Amino acid sequence: MREWIRLGRHVFKRGFQPKMAFRATRGIGAYLADLRTLRRQYSESKREFPLARSFPCLDERFAQSGVTIGHYFHQDLLVARWVFQDAPDKHVDVGSRVDGFVAHVASFREIEVLDIRPQKNTVQNIRFEQADMMETEFAKPAYTSSASCLHALEHFGLGRYGDNVDYYGYLKGWANLHTLLKPRARLYFSVPMGEQRIEFNAHRVFGLPYLRSMIDPLYNIKRFAYVDDSGSLHDEADIDAPEAATSFGCRYGCGIFSLLKR
């Protein structure tokens, strides 16, 4: 009975997720057969490893070896490679994923992180400062020759991370990013791209023409890539192609930029 209770908890863990629950249910028969085999082998062994409580991992039998598609996988790897190639003397990140992009960069150089969320842990090559980039009095003028803000600006002002709700929070953050940079500095930047909208309180999605209206007065676009709705990367894409007018047909894609401050 206890084994079936554990199986039930696994099938419905983290709330009801139909795809995960289906895969987990498919794995029950194989799991029970494997458990019987292991118990038989254990009874014939020297019992160096006692059998503890079960920890069913039912759905992973049908999973791939890892996730190699999607916004975060592609942007984190691609932009870390850009930073490595450009080799700035100083690099500051604003709000990007610490266990993704920031960790990639920290594997080969020091990186400073500004984030509205706290971070208690100390990690080699990562210097952390808690900061709200929507604050009008935010003051680090001409602080760095290189900065990144990946899949972060779309959240500004939507309250998701305890920030104040502000319809124009993204523009305040955008202005502070520009202030942070020295002349001719690099900004590596990404946001969700597609039909323009707010999906409260998760994120905004930006149309590419609107992004150009934000970017072009302040920066030269040196590189552009995007992740499409299927999760595939289009590297070195032509941002002036006719398809750019419709955000390359994306509903929820990701635009990735390497920008040079004018």
Foldseek 3Di string as FASTA:
>chain_A
DVVVVLLVCQLQPPHHDPVSNVQLVVQPVVVVVVVVVVVVVCVVDPCPDPDDDDHDPRNCVPDDPDDCFAQQNVQLVVVLVVCVVVVFPAEEEEPDDCVTNVVSNQVPAAYEYEYCDDDDDDDHRYHYDYDQQLDPPDDQAQPGQYYEYEQHLFQFQQCPRPHHNDPCSSVSSLVSVLRNHHAQGKYKYKHWEADFDDDGNPGTHHQLVVVCVSAVVWWDWPWKWKQAPVRDIDGRDDCPDPCSNRPVHHHTMMIITIITTD
